[in-house]
Protein backbone atom coordinates (compact mmCIF):
# COMPACT_ATOMS: atom_id res chain seq x y z
CA UNK A 1 -0.11 -0.10 -0.20
CA UNK A 2 1.13 3.83 -0.61
CA UNK A 3 0.75 4.42 3.04
CA UNK A 4 3.54 1.77 3.57
CA UNK A 5 5.63 2.96 0.89
CA UNK A 6 6.25 6.26 2.56
CA UNK A 7 6.59 5.12 5.84
CA UNK A 8 9.39 3.13 4.91
CA UNK A 9 12.22 5.35 4.15
CA UNK A 10 10.33 7.43 7.55
CA UNK A 11 11.24 4.27 9.52
CA UNK A 12 14.96 3.59 8.72
CA UNK A 13 15.30 6.91 9.90
CA UNK A 14 13.70 6.47 13.47
CA UNK A 15 10.90 8.52 13.11
CA UNK A 16 8.20 8.19 15.80
CA UNK A 17 4.42 6.34 14.83
CA UNK A 18 3.33 9.93 15.51
CA UNK A 19 5.75 12.08 13.76
CA UNK A 20 5.71 9.32 10.71
CA UNK A 21 1.63 9.21 10.03
CA UNK A 22 1.95 13.27 9.75
CA UNK A 23 4.64 13.12 7.15
CA UNK A 24 2.10 10.31 5.00
CA UNK A 25 -0.57 12.81 5.47
CA UNK A 26 1.67 15.18 4.45
CA UNK A 27 3.08 14.18 1.38
CA UNK A 28 0.14 12.30 0.52
CA UNK A 29 -2.01 15.96 0.40
CA UNK A 30 0.56 17.28 -1.42
CA UNK A 31 1.13 14.82 -3.96
CA UNK A 32 -2.92 13.98 -4.62
CA UNK A 33 -1.98 10.25 -3.51
CA UNK A 34 -4.73 8.31 -1.99
CA UNK A 35 -3.05 6.62 1.43
CA UNK A 36 -5.39 3.11 0.94
CA UNK A 37 -4.50 2.66 -2.81
CA UNK A 38 -2.45 -0.54 -3.74
CA UNK A 39 0.41 0.20 -5.38
CA UNK A 40 0.18 -2.48 -8.02
CA UNK A 41 -2.64 -0.54 -9.16
CA UNK A 42 -1.10 2.60 -9.85
CA UNK A 43 -0.38 4.06 -13.21
CA UNK A 44 3.20 5.11 -13.98
CA UNK A 45 2.53 8.83 -13.40
CA UNK A 46 1.36 7.80 -9.81
CA UNK A 47 3.54 5.72 -9.06
CA UNK A 48 6.20 8.24 -9.85
CA UNK A 49 4.59 10.97 -7.40
CA UNK A 50 4.66 8.12 -5.05
CA UNK A 51 8.58 7.50 -5.13
CA UNK A 52 8.53 11.20 -4.56
CA UNK A 53 6.51 11.58 -1.80
CA UNK A 54 8.40 8.74 -0.06
CA UNK A 55 11.65 10.68 -0.29
CA UNK A 56 10.17 14.55 0.43
CA UNK A 57 8.52 12.34 3.42
CA UNK A 58 11.77 11.36 4.85
CA UNK A 59 12.61 15.22 5.46
CA UNK A 60 15.75 15.50 3.99
CA UNK A 61 17.68 18.78 3.69
CA UNK A 62 19.57 18.13 0.31
CA UNK A 63 16.84 16.36 -2.12
CA UNK A 64 18.21 14.69 -5.35
CA UNK A 65 15.94 14.43 -8.36
CA UNK A 66 16.45 12.46 -11.26
CA UNK A 67 14.49 13.06 -13.92
CA UNK A 68 10.89 13.65 -11.61
CA UNK A 69 8.98 14.88 -14.20
CA UNK A 70 9.28 12.25 -16.81
CA UNK A 71 5.99 10.45 -16.37
CA UNK A 72 3.89 13.41 -15.23
CA UNK A 73 1.66 15.23 -16.98
CA UNK A 74 1.66 19.16 -16.83
CA UNK A 75 -0.50 20.10 -13.98
CA UNK A 76 1.74 16.82 -11.74
CA UNK A 77 4.82 18.15 -12.91
CA UNK A 78 4.37 22.43 -12.15
CA UNK A 79 3.16 21.28 -8.54
CA UNK A 80 5.85 19.04 -7.98
CA UNK A 81 8.36 21.96 -9.01
CA UNK A 82 5.91 24.30 -6.93
CA UNK A 83 6.87 22.70 -3.90
CA UNK A 84 10.44 22.16 -4.39
CA UNK A 85 10.64 25.38 -5.36
CA UNK A 86 8.93 26.09 -2.00
CA UNK A 87 11.41 23.82 -0.17
CA UNK A 88 14.12 25.59 -1.53
CA UNK A 89 13.40 29.24 -0.60
CA UNK A 90 12.86 27.39 2.84
CA UNK A 91 16.10 26.68 3.29
CA UNK A 92 16.65 23.07 1.07
CA UNK A 93 19.38 22.26 -1.55
CA UNK A 94 17.27 21.18 -4.37
CA UNK A 95 19.37 19.44 -7.59
CA UNK A 96 17.03 18.23 -10.45
CA UNK A 97 18.15 16.13 -13.22
CA UNK A 98 15.64 17.05 -15.94
CA UNK A 99 14.84 17.58 -20.19
CA UNK A 100 11.74 18.72 -19.74
CA UNK A 101 13.25 21.95 -19.94
CA UNK A 102 9.40 23.91 -20.16
CA UNK A 103 8.29 23.04 -17.33
CA UNK A 104 11.88 23.19 -14.93
CA UNK A 105 13.24 26.07 -15.84
CA UNK A 106 10.42 29.26 -14.34
CA UNK A 107 11.14 27.23 -11.10
CA UNK A 108 14.68 26.99 -10.71
CA UNK A 109 17.83 29.85 -9.94
CA UNK A 110 20.33 27.88 -11.80
CA UNK A 111 20.75 26.05 -15.15
CA UNK A 112 23.98 23.55 -15.82
CA UNK A 113 24.35 21.93 -19.29
CA UNK A 114 26.22 18.83 -19.40
CA UNK A 115 27.26 17.42 -22.69
CA UNK A 116 29.57 16.33 -24.82
CA UNK A 117 31.78 15.78 -21.78
CA UNK A 118 31.71 19.22 -20.21
CA UNK A 119 29.74 21.05 -17.78
CA UNK A 120 28.31 24.45 -18.49
CA UNK A 121 26.22 26.86 -16.44
CA UNK A 122 23.74 28.61 -18.73
CA UNK A 123 23.02 32.55 -18.15
CA UNK A 124 19.83 33.03 -20.54
CA UNK A 125 17.81 30.38 -19.52
CA UNK A 126 15.05 31.73 -22.34
CA UNK A 127 17.36 31.40 -25.08
CA UNK A 128 18.75 28.22 -23.97
CA UNK A 129 15.05 27.21 -24.06
CA UNK A 130 14.57 27.73 -27.59
CA UNK A 131 17.95 26.19 -28.56
CA UNK A 132 16.81 23.10 -27.44
CA UNK A 133 13.80 23.10 -28.71
CA UNK A 134 12.90 22.25 -32.89
CA UNK A 135 9.44 22.66 -34.53
CA UNK A 136 8.09 20.42 -36.50
CA UNK A 137 5.59 20.01 -38.90
CA UNK A 138 3.41 17.40 -39.88
CA UNK A 139 4.46 15.88 -43.62
CA UNK A 140 2.31 12.66 -42.98
CA UNK A 141 -1.18 13.49 -45.04
CA UNK A 142 -4.31 14.32 -44.23
CA UNK A 143 -6.09 10.78 -42.24
CA UNK A 144 -9.09 10.07 -43.99
CA UNK A 145 -11.73 8.25 -41.59
CA UNK A 146 -12.09 4.61 -43.38
CA UNK A 147 -12.77 1.09 -41.78
CA UNK A 148 -12.82 0.33 -37.90
CA UNK A 149 -10.16 -1.69 -36.56
CA UNK A 150 -11.31 -1.79 -32.88
CA UNK A 151 -14.52 -1.66 -31.88
CA UNK A 152 -15.50 -0.65 -28.09
CA UNK A 153 -18.44 -0.92 -26.58
CA UNK A 154 -19.72 -0.25 -23.30
CA UNK A 155 -16.02 -1.18 -22.18
CA UNK A 156 -15.82 -1.17 -18.28
CA UNK A 157 -12.89 -1.94 -16.00
CA UNK A 158 -12.37 -2.50 -12.55
CA UNK A 159 -9.64 -3.67 -9.68
CA UNK A 160 -12.07 -5.20 -6.60
CA UNK A 161 -13.77 -1.90 -5.93
CA UNK A 162 -11.88 0.66 -7.76
CA UNK A 163 -13.46 1.69 -11.28
CA UNK A 164 -10.83 2.67 -13.29
CA UNK A 165 -12.62 2.82 -16.97
CA UNK A 166 -16.96 3.46 -17.10
CA UNK A 167 -18.11 2.81 -20.03
CA UNK A 168 -15.58 3.75 -22.77
CA UNK A 169 -17.21 3.64 -26.31
CA UNK A 170 -15.20 4.27 -29.11
CA UNK A 171 -14.04 3.14 -32.59
CA UNK A 172 -9.71 3.06 -33.76
CA UNK A 173 -9.74 3.22 -38.04
CA UNK A 174 -7.82 1.41 -39.15
CA UNK A 175 -3.90 2.68 -40.25
CA UNK A 176 -4.52 6.04 -38.55
CA UNK A 177 -2.46 7.40 -35.51
CA UNK A 178 -5.36 7.31 -32.57
CA UNK A 179 -3.87 8.91 -28.84
CA UNK A 180 -5.37 8.14 -25.62
CA UNK A 181 -4.36 11.32 -23.57
CA UNK A 182 -5.45 12.64 -20.18
CA UNK A 183 -3.84 13.31 -16.77
CA UNK A 184 -2.30 10.77 -14.99
CA UNK A 185 -4.54 7.89 -13.39
CA UNK A 186 -7.24 8.70 -15.67
CA UNK A 187 -7.54 4.88 -17.33
CA UNK A 188 -4.96 5.56 -20.44
CA UNK A 189 -2.41 2.83 -19.66
CA UNK A 190 -5.38 0.49 -19.03
CA UNK A 191 -7.69 0.85 -21.90
CA UNK A 192 -4.03 0.08 -24.06
CA UNK A 193 -3.86 -2.47 -22.22
CA UNK A 194 -7.41 -4.05 -22.80
CA UNK A 195 -7.11 -3.66 -26.84
CA UNK A 196 -3.82 -5.45 -26.44
CA UNK A 197 -5.25 -8.18 -24.76
CA UNK A 198 -2.69 -7.71 -22.24
CA UNK A 199 -6.10 -7.51 -19.75
CA UNK A 200 -9.79 -8.98 -19.69
CA UNK A 201 -12.91 -6.36 -19.76
CA UNK A 202 -14.96 -6.34 -16.98
CA UNK A 203 -17.82 -5.09 -18.56
CA UNK A 204 -18.46 -4.21 -22.42
CA UNK A 205 -16.90 -6.40 -25.88
CA UNK A 206 -13.85 -5.22 -27.80
CA UNK A 207 -14.21 -6.09 -31.21
CA UNK A 208 -11.42 -6.67 -33.36
CA UNK A 209 -11.22 -6.97 -36.69
CA UNK A 210 -7.94 -7.60 -37.91
CA UNK A 211 -8.16 -11.20 -38.78
CA UNK A 212 -10.96 -13.40 -38.27
CA UNK A 213 -9.08 -16.32 -37.26
CA UNK A 214 -8.36 -14.40 -34.08
CA UNK A 215 -11.96 -13.99 -32.76
CA UNK A 216 -13.35 -11.59 -29.90
CA UNK A 217 -11.44 -13.61 -27.43
CA UNK A 218 -9.95 -11.50 -24.01
CA UNK A 219 -6.42 -12.61 -24.10
CA UNK A 220 -3.75 -12.52 -26.61
CA UNK A 221 -1.56 -15.55 -28.04
CA UNK A 222 1.56 -15.84 -29.73
CA UNK A 223 0.50 -14.78 -33.22
CA UNK A 224 -2.17 -12.14 -31.66
CA UNK A 225 1.18 -10.41 -30.81
CA UNK A 226 3.10 -10.97 -34.21
CA UNK A 227 -0.08 -8.94 -35.69
CA UNK A 228 0.10 -6.44 -32.40
CA UNK A 229 3.00 -4.93 -30.66
CA UNK A 230 3.21 -3.41 -27.78
CA UNK A 231 5.50 -1.35 -26.21
CA UNK A 232 5.35 -0.73 -22.53
CA UNK A 233 5.78 2.28 -20.42
CA UNK A 234 8.55 1.02 -18.71
CA UNK A 235 11.11 -0.79 -21.44
CA UNK A 236 12.96 -2.58 -18.75
CA UNK A 237 10.07 -5.09 -18.97
CA UNK A 238 10.56 -6.09 -22.04
CA UNK A 239 14.63 -5.91 -22.96
CA UNK A 240 15.45 -9.61 -22.23
CA UNK A 241 18.12 -10.78 -24.76
CA UNK A 242 21.80 -9.93 -24.00
CA UNK A 243 22.88 -7.46 -26.97
CA UNK A 244 21.21 -4.73 -28.34
CA UNK A 245 21.85 -6.82 -31.33
CA UNK A 246 20.26 -9.54 -30.78
CA UNK A 247 17.10 -7.46 -29.12
CA UNK A 248 16.15 -6.36 -32.28
CA UNK A 249 16.94 -9.28 -34.53
CA UNK A 250 14.39 -11.27 -32.04
CA UNK A 251 11.86 -10.48 -34.15
CA UNK A 252 12.98 -8.87 -37.48
CA UNK A 253 12.57 -10.55 -40.56
CA UNK A 254 16.05 -10.36 -41.83
CA UNK A 255 19.51 -8.59 -40.56
CA UNK A 256 19.35 -6.57 -43.45
CA UNK A 257 16.39 -4.79 -41.82
CA UNK A 258 17.20 -5.23 -38.08
CA UNK A 259 20.17 -2.79 -39.10
CA UNK A 260 17.98 -0.40 -41.10
CA UNK A 261 15.90 0.17 -38.03
CA UNK A 262 18.45 0.45 -35.51
CA UNK A 263 20.33 3.29 -37.92
CA UNK A 264 16.52 4.53 -37.94
CA UNK A 265 16.43 4.74 -34.61
CA UNK A 266 20.02 5.97 -33.60
CA UNK A 267 20.98 2.60 -31.63
CA UNK A 268 23.78 0.83 -34.11
CA UNK A 269 26.61 2.35 -32.18
CA UNK A 270 25.03 0.35 -29.28
CA UNK A 271 25.00 -2.73 -31.00
CA UNK A 272 27.17 -5.01 -28.60
CA UNK A 273 26.06 -3.35 -25.71
CA UNK A 274 23.60 -5.15 -23.08
CA UNK A 275 20.17 -3.56 -23.35
CA UNK A 276 19.88 -3.02 -19.68
CA UNK A 277 23.16 -1.17 -18.87
CA UNK A 278 22.09 1.58 -21.28
CA UNK A 279 20.50 4.89 -19.98
CA UNK A 280 16.90 5.63 -19.95
CA UNK A 281 16.52 7.37 -22.90
CA UNK A 282 18.94 4.71 -24.77
CA UNK A 283 16.43 1.66 -23.29
CA UNK A 284 13.25 3.29 -24.39
CA UNK A 285 14.59 3.68 -27.66
CA UNK A 286 15.75 0.16 -28.40
CA UNK A 287 12.20 -0.71 -27.21
CA UNK A 288 10.64 1.27 -29.54
CA UNK A 289 13.00 -0.58 -32.28
CA UNK A 290 12.43 -3.88 -31.45
CA UNK A 291 8.85 -4.03 -31.66
CA UNK A 292 9.17 -1.81 -34.93
CA UNK A 293 11.89 -4.06 -36.26
CA UNK A 294 8.81 -7.26 -36.19
CA UNK A 295 6.55 -5.18 -38.28
CA UNK A 296 3.66 -5.36 -36.22
CA UNK A 297 -0.05 -3.83 -38.15
CA UNK A 298 -0.88 -2.31 -35.08
CA UNK A 299 1.53 -0.59 -33.14
CA UNK A 300 0.90 0.46 -29.20
CA UNK A 301 3.03 2.59 -27.52
CA UNK A 302 2.40 3.32 -23.68
CA UNK A 303 4.24 6.59 -22.82
CA UNK A 304 7.50 5.57 -24.91
CA UNK A 305 9.36 9.04 -25.15
CA UNK A 306 9.02 10.12 -21.62
CA UNK A 307 12.74 9.89 -20.58
CA UNK A 308 14.11 11.35 -23.63
CA UNK A 309 15.79 14.55 -24.41
CA UNK A 310 13.68 16.80 -26.60
CA UNK A 311 16.25 17.06 -30.02
CA UNK A 312 15.66 13.45 -29.18
CA UNK A 313 12.60 13.05 -28.53
CA UNK A 314 11.79 15.11 -32.09
CA UNK A 315 13.59 13.10 -34.29
CA UNK A 316 12.43 10.08 -32.54
CA UNK A 317 8.80 11.45 -33.13
CA UNK A 318 9.56 12.17 -36.85
CA UNK A 319 10.70 8.33 -37.06
CA UNK A 320 8.06 6.88 -35.28
CA UNK A 321 5.12 9.08 -37.56
CA UNK A 322 6.64 8.37 -40.88
CA UNK A 323 7.24 4.46 -40.21
CA UNK A 324 3.58 4.57 -39.62
CA UNK A 325 2.49 6.11 -42.84
CA UNK A 326 5.15 3.90 -44.79
CA UNK A 327 4.06 0.94 -43.18
CA UNK A 328 0.50 1.73 -42.62
CA UNK A 329 0.58 1.07 -39.11
CA UNK A 330 -2.80 1.56 -37.04
CA UNK A 331 -1.46 3.51 -34.24
CA UNK A 332 -2.36 4.33 -30.84
CA UNK A 333 -0.44 5.89 -28.82
CA UNK A 334 -0.56 6.90 -24.91
CA UNK A 335 1.08 10.36 -23.68
CA UNK A 336 -0.31 12.70 -21.06
CA UNK A 337 1.92 15.50 -23.04
CA UNK A 338 -0.25 17.63 -24.94
CA UNK A 339 2.07 18.89 -27.40
CA UNK A 340 3.18 15.40 -28.33
CA UNK A 341 -0.80 14.13 -28.91
CA UNK A 342 -1.04 17.15 -31.65
CA UNK A 343 2.08 15.47 -32.87
CA UNK A 344 1.18 12.41 -33.26
CA UNK A 345 -1.97 11.90 -34.46
CA UNK A 346 -4.92 11.95 -36.61
CA UNK A 347 -7.49 11.75 -33.46
CA UNK A 348 -7.10 12.20 -30.18
CA UNK A 349 -9.12 10.33 -27.36
CA UNK A 350 -9.47 12.73 -24.35
CA UNK A 351 -9.97 10.82 -21.10
CA UNK A 352 -11.02 12.08 -17.55
CA UNK A 353 -11.39 9.68 -15.08
CA UNK A 354 -12.18 7.02 -16.70
CA UNK A 355 -14.37 8.26 -19.14
CA UNK A 356 -14.25 9.78 -22.66
CA UNK A 357 -14.75 13.60 -22.29
CA UNK A 358 -14.10 14.67 -25.88
CA UNK A 359 -12.73 12.55 -29.24
CA UNK A 360 -11.50 15.23 -31.60
CA UNK A 361 -8.76 15.80 -34.47
CA UNK A 362 -6.00 17.89 -32.90
CA UNK A 363 -7.22 20.98 -34.46
CA UNK A 364 -11.08 20.85 -33.39
CA UNK A 365 -9.96 19.69 -29.79
CA UNK A 366 -7.49 22.47 -29.22
CA UNK A 367 -9.57 24.97 -30.87
CA UNK A 368 -13.22 23.85 -29.52
CA UNK A 369 -13.27 22.50 -26.64
CA UNK A 370 -16.72 21.28 -25.36
CA UNK A 371 -16.02 20.87 -21.65
CA UNK A 372 -15.01 22.19 -18.83
CA UNK A 373 -11.95 19.75 -18.40
CA UNK A 374 -11.56 19.96 -21.85
CA UNK A 375 -10.25 23.62 -22.37
CA UNK A 376 -8.41 23.15 -19.03
CA UNK A 377 -6.46 20.34 -20.23
CA UNK A 378 -5.84 21.32 -23.79
CA UNK A 379 -4.29 24.86 -24.10
CA UNK A 380 -4.49 26.19 -20.66
CA UNK A 381 -8.10 28.00 -21.74
CA UNK A 382 -9.29 30.86 -19.48
CA UNK A 383 -12.29 29.52 -17.73
CA UNK A 384 -15.12 31.21 -16.17
CA UNK A 385 -18.50 30.74 -14.82
CA UNK A 386 -21.60 32.41 -15.83
CA UNK A 387 -20.93 34.53 -12.52
CA UNK A 388 -17.29 35.13 -13.05
CA UNK A 389 -18.13 35.88 -16.79
CA UNK A 390 -20.81 38.62 -16.13
CA UNK A 391 -17.90 39.58 -13.13
CA UNK A 392 -15.14 40.54 -15.54
CA UNK A 393 -17.67 41.91 -19.01
CA UNK A 394 -20.55 43.33 -17.17
CA UNK A 395 -22.65 41.12 -19.56
CA UNK A 396 -24.12 37.93 -19.24
CA UNK A 397 -22.20 34.52 -21.63
CA UNK A 398 -24.22 33.33 -24.51
CA UNK A 399 -27.05 30.78 -22.89
CA UNK A 400 -25.64 31.57 -19.39
CA UNK A 401 -22.99 28.51 -20.54
CA UNK A 402 -19.62 27.98 -18.70
CA UNK A 403 -17.47 30.27 -20.95
CA UNK A 404 -13.98 28.90 -22.05
CA UNK A 405 -10.60 32.12 -23.61
CA UNK A 406 -7.52 31.12 -25.39
CA UNK A 407 -4.95 33.13 -23.76
CA UNK A 408 -3.24 33.96 -26.90
CA UNK A 409 -6.45 35.20 -28.39
CA UNK A 410 -6.00 38.22 -25.82
CA UNK A 411 -4.15 40.96 -27.45
CA UNK A 412 -2.62 43.52 -24.93
CA UNK A 413 -1.92 47.26 -25.18
CA UNK A 414 -1.82 50.43 -23.12
CA UNK A 415 -4.13 52.59 -25.03
CA UNK A 416 -7.27 51.87 -25.13
CA UNK A 417 -8.35 50.12 -28.38
CA UNK A 418 -11.57 51.10 -30.62
CA UNK A 419 -14.56 49.53 -29.08
CA UNK A 420 -16.95 47.75 -31.85
CA UNK A 421 -19.83 44.87 -31.94
CA UNK A 422 -17.16 42.35 -32.35
CA UNK A 423 -14.98 42.79 -30.21
CA UNK A 424 -14.90 42.82 -25.87
CA UNK A 425 -12.45 45.37 -24.31
CA UNK A 426 -11.39 45.13 -21.04
CA UNK A 427 -9.04 47.36 -18.47
CA UNK A 428 -7.15 44.96 -15.87
CA UNK A 429 -4.03 45.49 -14.04
CA UNK A 430 -0.75 43.08 -14.75
CA UNK A 431 -0.18 40.83 -11.58
CA UNK A 432 2.58 38.28 -12.84
CA UNK A 433 4.71 37.46 -15.47
CA UNK A 434 6.92 35.20 -17.03
CA UNK A 435 8.91 34.09 -20.19
CA UNK A 436 9.16 30.85 -21.39
CA UNK A 437 11.27 30.24 -24.65
CA UNK A 438 9.65 32.77 -27.34
CA UNK A 439 6.82 33.42 -24.99
CA UNK A 440 5.53 35.73 -22.43
CA UNK A 441 3.08 34.52 -20.19
CA UNK A 442 0.98 37.40 -17.98
CA UNK A 443 -1.73 36.96 -15.18
CA UNK A 444 -3.95 40.23 -14.84
CA UNK A 445 -6.80 41.16 -12.84
CA UNK A 446 -9.68 42.41 -14.75
CA UNK A 447 -12.41 43.18 -11.79
CA UNK A 448 -11.35 40.69 -9.54
CA UNK A 449 -10.62 37.68 -12.51
CA UNK A 450 -7.53 36.56 -13.36
CA UNK A 451 -7.20 36.38 -17.10
CA UNK A 452 -4.07 34.13 -18.51
CA UNK A 453 -3.00 35.88 -21.55
CA UNK A 454 -0.16 34.68 -23.86
CA UNK A 455 2.09 36.77 -26.09
CA UNK A 456 5.34 36.43 -28.30
CA UNK A 457 8.55 37.54 -26.88
CA UNK A 458 9.07 40.80 -27.70
CA UNK A 459 11.26 43.68 -26.77
CA UNK A 460 9.29 46.64 -27.22
CA UNK A 461 6.22 45.13 -26.19
CA UNK A 462 7.25 44.18 -22.14
CA UNK A 463 4.95 44.53 -19.16
CA UNK A 464 5.97 45.38 -15.97
CA UNK A 465 3.42 43.80 -12.81
CA UNK A 466 1.63 45.87 -11.66
CA UNK A 467 1.17 48.07 -14.82
CA UNK A 468 -2.21 49.14 -15.73
CA UNK A 469 -3.61 47.75 -19.50
CA UNK A 470 -6.32 47.14 -21.70
CA UNK A 471 -7.14 44.26 -23.02
CA UNK A 472 -9.17 43.15 -26.70
CA UNK A 473 -10.81 40.57 -27.06
CA UNK A 474 -13.05 38.92 -30.61
CA UNK A 475 -15.86 37.59 -29.05
CA UNK A 476 -16.41 34.72 -31.76
CA UNK A 477 -13.35 33.54 -29.21
CA UNK A 478 -15.55 33.30 -26.07
CA UNK A 479 -16.79 29.69 -26.54
CA UNK A 480 -19.74 27.98 -24.60
CA UNK A 481 -18.78 24.79 -22.92
CA UNK A 482 -21.57 22.16 -22.57
CA UNK A 483 -20.71 21.37 -18.34
């Protein structure tokens, strides 16, 4: 149980029982964990939060965390970094080894870059982030939804009295790139494993159209897993050969094809290494390459790029998409990363607490979220209740519904813009600003309501805290939500 896991470190430090219980309660509340949960039922992100909670509970003044954000969603990552920042301000020494620069840089005091056997201090964090990122265009042809490869109807899955998936109905189109997106613990991995026939649903049915010979059995066979390739969230679970060469050759049709795949994934130089001697990022590359080398018709990937540095991650995203299109592999990709979901998908299935929140194309999900959760999870929308909208705009929202507004659709100026029937004009005051790469994020108070506003980083348009500003917003960008 979570409670026992957290208590273990404290007991080894001889904490008295009352202090141990206090520490368990504090870290569980801080990292949103239920101390009664069983560890084996946790998602990858929840396990990572548990590891961090166990470390923090011991109360050590020096804390070193190696890739603590690898499996955390954006809210979990921000929550952890905010906690570490508070500890640092309280006198703790916190060292974070991390590749998710966009999440880390706003919270840290000092950045050191390690590469090419050198260590260099970074003076300009914004420029460093910009140098480590790259824009990727989608070269894949527009996907036309055709016949389904899987049909899920009223799928349920539970472990004892804990419901993980609740009445899921969904079609997975043949040849498409479908992404399961959501927060840690929402059921993404479980849903993928049900489709892969690694788990058996406790309710509903999954119909496959890969081959009639597989019928509709709940468990996969050896022949099934030649057609359906699975990349696990933890590569240690599937790397078993003594060398990388043998790992890739295990399911490949020929040694030449195995070498071709190794070149594509940049692992040929690791050919004679033992897979378990590799770094976490290298292990993930090998595990993906080994499954792709088997030439499956369906490829299921569970958070496969979560511990890989930004540049290599972008390269692998390109290669996975290219291979998917060239071989016409139906791909199901599980991630908590919104940017990755937008890049890797034709369709996104957004999950929340075991239910489907919305199924849409990436652009439609970003520009037309249907629910409050979808709006708050995708794109950092401003979400206002009818009363909050009235307080800020001095007018009622459309149909008296919840309203979502994208931060980048709001314009800032120091002079009052011209008013017209198509635009809302608001007066506000900057209460906070921070830069991430080439974007400035502002928090602006408008009649007691805080708005998030994003602008591109331009030296001639910087606004300071406590500065009075005007905001303008086209009324069509105020989106009414269903709930």
